[in-house]
Structure formats: C-alpha cells, structure tokens
Amino acid sequence: MRYLISGLVQGVGFRWFVARHARSLGLAGYARNLPDGRVEVVVSGPEDSLPALERLLRAGPANAQVQEVERSQEPAAFPLGKSFDIR
C-alpha cells in the first residue's frame, strides 16, 4: 500500500512516528519526504495491520497537522525488504 500524506508533515518527526508504529505492527517499507512537502509511506505486511497504520497516519505526531491521506495499491512485485526504513 502507498500513502501520500499532506499538511504540516515535514520537520515534525512524522517519518520517525510512522517508522515506530509500522515496526510495532509488523510492517515493512519506508517513509520519505517528498519535494512538494508531502510524506510518502509505502508498506507491506499483514492486511489486518493496515487500517491501524492508516488511523495513525491520519492523526500524526503531536506537532503535525495532517490535511489529507491519499491511499493507493502498490504492485505486489514492489520490493520492500523486511524492515521499515526512513529515507
């Protein structure tokens, strides 16, 4: 799954927040800042963990102001590895 999060999401610890929660949910993938100010999160793992992660993405850490979360399906062949990284 791929999420694009917009709002005040850079410079507020958003990627670290996502990484901590994604790892605890057993998800692999990455979070990275995009040049347009959004954060991209790409994850794979147990399907039942994805709704919990999406709720966390919509809330964000204390200093974030999430305006929108766009979700799209990533191709199954997208290589993510076995850990969750911050890029």
Protein backbone atom coordinates (compact mmCIF):
# COMPACT_ATOMS: atom_id res chain seq x y z
CA MET A 1 0.00 0.00 0.00
CA ARG A 2 1.17 3.54 -0.71
CA TYR A 3 0.07 6.58 1.27
CA LEU A 4 0.71 10.24 0.47
CA ILE A 5 0.23 12.46 3.49
CA SER A 6 -0.16 16.22 3.08
CA GLY A 7 -0.31 19.09 5.54
CA LEU A 8 2.32 20.11 8.07
CA VAL A 9 4.10 16.75 7.97
CA GLN A 10 7.77 17.61 7.38
CA GLY A 11 10.05 18.78 10.16
CA VAL A 12 7.74 17.47 12.90
CA GLY A 13 9.03 13.91 13.38
CA PHE A 14 6.39 12.37 11.11
CA ARG A 15 8.67 9.78 9.47
CA TRP A 16 10.02 8.63 12.84
CA PHE A 17 6.46 8.40 14.19
CA VAL A 18 5.44 6.25 11.20
CA ALA A 19 8.53 4.03 11.45
CA ARG A 20 7.98 3.32 15.14
CA HIS A 21 4.35 2.35 14.64
CA ALA A 22 4.89 0.45 11.38
CA ARG A 23 7.58 -1.69 13.02
CA SER A 24 5.34 -2.42 16.01
CA LEU A 25 2.59 -3.50 13.58
CA GLY A 26 4.98 -5.87 11.76
CA LEU A 27 5.01 -3.84 8.54
CA ALA A 28 7.92 -3.43 6.12
CA GLY A 29 8.57 -0.49 3.82
CA TYR A 30 9.67 3.10 4.13
CA ALA A 31 8.68 6.70 4.81
CA ARG A 32 10.29 9.60 2.96
CA ASN A 33 9.83 13.32 2.49
CA LEU A 34 8.80 14.46 -0.97
CA PRO A 35 9.97 17.74 -2.55
CA ASP A 36 6.37 19.05 -2.62
CA GLY A 37 6.07 18.92 1.20
CA ARG A 38 4.21 15.63 1.48
CA VAL A 39 5.40 12.42 3.11
CA GLU A 40 5.25 9.16 1.16
CA VAL A 41 4.74 5.92 3.09
CA VAL A 42 4.98 2.58 1.27
CA VAL A 43 4.22 -0.53 3.31
CA SER A 44 3.60 -4.23 3.06
CA GLY A 45 2.71 -6.78 5.68
CA PRO A 46 -0.31 -8.25 7.43
CA GLU A 47 -3.51 -6.89 5.88
CA ASP A 48 -5.13 -6.54 9.30
CA SER A 49 -2.39 -4.09 10.37
CA LEU A 50 -3.01 -1.60 7.56
CA PRO A 51 -6.19 0.01 9.00
CA ALA A 52 -4.37 0.67 12.28
CA LEU A 53 -1.47 2.29 10.42
CA GLU A 54 -3.84 4.42 8.35
CA ARG A 55 -5.54 5.71 11.50
CA LEU A 56 -2.11 6.66 12.87
CA LEU A 57 -1.18 8.40 9.61
CA ARG A 58 -4.37 10.47 9.78
CA ALA A 59 -3.59 11.50 13.38
CA GLY A 60 0.17 12.02 13.04
CA PRO A 61 2.52 13.00 15.86
CA ALA A 62 1.70 15.87 18.23
CA ASN A 63 3.24 18.67 16.13
CA ALA A 64 1.86 17.52 12.76
CA GLN A 65 -1.25 18.85 11.07
CA VAL A 66 -2.47 16.20 8.64
CA GLN A 67 -4.76 17.61 5.95
CA GLU A 68 -5.14 14.61 3.65
CA VAL A 69 -4.11 10.97 3.32
CA GLU A 70 -4.24 9.52 -0.19
CA ARG A 71 -4.11 5.73 -0.44
CA SER A 72 -3.26 3.62 -3.49
CA GLN A 73 -2.42 -0.03 -4.06
CA GLU A 74 1.19 -0.78 -4.92
CA PRO A 75 2.03 -3.63 -7.30
CA ALA A 76 2.73 -6.89 -5.49
CA ALA A 77 6.17 -7.06 -7.09
CA PHE A 78 7.28 -3.78 -5.45
CA PRO A 79 10.44 -4.74 -3.48
CA LEU A 80 10.30 -3.51 0.12
CA GLY A 81 12.61 -5.78 2.06
CA LYS A 82 11.88 -6.97 5.59
CA SER A 83 12.30 -3.81 7.66
CA PHE A 84 10.77 -0.37 7.83
CA ASP A 85 13.18 2.41 6.85
CA ILE A 86 13.30 6.17 6.90
CA ARG A 87 14.60 7.63 3.66
